[in-house]
Amino acid sequence: MGTYVFRLPDVGEGIAQAEIVAWHAEVGDTIREDQPLVDVMTDKATVEIGAPVAGRILSRKGETGTMAAIGSEIVVIETGAQTPSKAKAAPVPAADAATPRSAPEVAPASAPKGKVLAAPAVRARAAALGIDLASIEAAAEDGRIRHADLDAALLARRAPAAPPAPVPGNPAADTVEEIKVIGLRRQIAERMQDAKRRVPHFAYVEEVDVTALEAMRADLNARPGEARGKLTLLPFLIRAIVRAVADHPGLNAHFDDEAALIRRHRAVHVGVATQTPRGLVVPVIRHAEARQPWDLAAEILRLSEAARAGKATRAELTGSTITVSSLGALGGIMATPIINPPEVAIVGVNKIVERPVVRSGRIETARMMNLSSSFDHRVVDGHDAAAFIQAVKAGLEAPWRLLGP
């Protein structure tokens, strides 16, 4: 028999620590090699780590929600260990021939160690009362639990506290559920807090007439031929952003506030805020400037499915230069999206509504949508932010231009 000390492996370049979010084996469990052992999270990507060897877990370090340094000890495994066999019953000592015992007197001595002695009627009553016989101490010297012992256990139980009087107008019980903030939810909380504390947000809202865009999108989706996937609004919005940053490169940038340095990116890597069962993540569409609407639609679908399944890689969740946020049908009429540092801009999409508009003195109906965007006011002036959004709006209101190179 030997022991194997398993240390947290490097789960990503440049990562110094990772959060333990789930254990798949307990101390004392016998595990096989490569069996799922623990899930750790870093940069919103969850990594499942398998057991390096087969054996029995002797100890483990770190509860869920704790941070573990790369290279630190997390599990000690006894290699080659077998599941412990059940202890054999102790042999019955021979009776002293000079002092013979009756059958009831011999029975307690012949019982295996740890066995609870009680008549069937006592066992049945204990089961009905929900009493564990192993927790009862017998009063008699022979160790046998009797009805009197059950009575004493019942008397020792405290009477349950009376329920609180119902509050007038609120008959429901006032219960409190405590939920530990760990894993992705903790990372989201920390990042949002840091973003709001460090970045002075400048919000800008503009309405966009998407009547022509919605008509063109419906026409393209209805055309027969090879299945190219469904075109949603997002591919066209991303195309409009790509066109706009060509004339406003300061919006496709990172701001290093510690070095007082702005890094403008030629490539447009668009982060798409995606809601998952575990919380909000931002998978990244790389080189959006080189993609057509159908390619963008396919990549959005692929990344969103991977994110919701918890299978998106660290590379797919980092490196965005500008972010798009959309709540779909829940988009409301406006929002104040939070910037994803070190980016300097985020473009939010609100829901599309049909409402009356005035054109050349006439009232018409149109499909309207608001863009609610936020900018880092330390490096983006209000004029530049407005000009950028106006360029995005122009692209969405002339959607045929977004289909070209």
Foldseek 3Di string as FASTA:
>chain_A
DAKDFDFAADPDPPDFKWFWADADDDQFDWDAFQCFGTWTDDLQFIDTGTHHHTAGWHDADHDGFDMGTGGHTGTMGDHPDDRDDDDDFDQQDDDDPVDDDDPVQSVLSHDGPQDAAEDPVVVVVCVVVVHDSSVFADPDPSRHHDVVSVVVVVVPDDDDDDADDADVPGNDDDDDDDDDQHRPSVVVVVQLVVLVVPFDKDKDKDKFFQQVVVVVQVVVQPDDDDPLDRFDVVLLLLLLLLVLCVVVQQQLWFADPVVRDIGGDPFAWEWEWAQAPVGTATFIDTRSVPDARSRVNVVVVVLNVCSNVSNDDSVRRDDGREYEYEPEQQQPQEDADGDRHRGFKYKYWGYWDWDWDADPNDIDITTMIMIMMMGRCVRDPPVSVVSSVVSSSVCSNVVVVSRDD
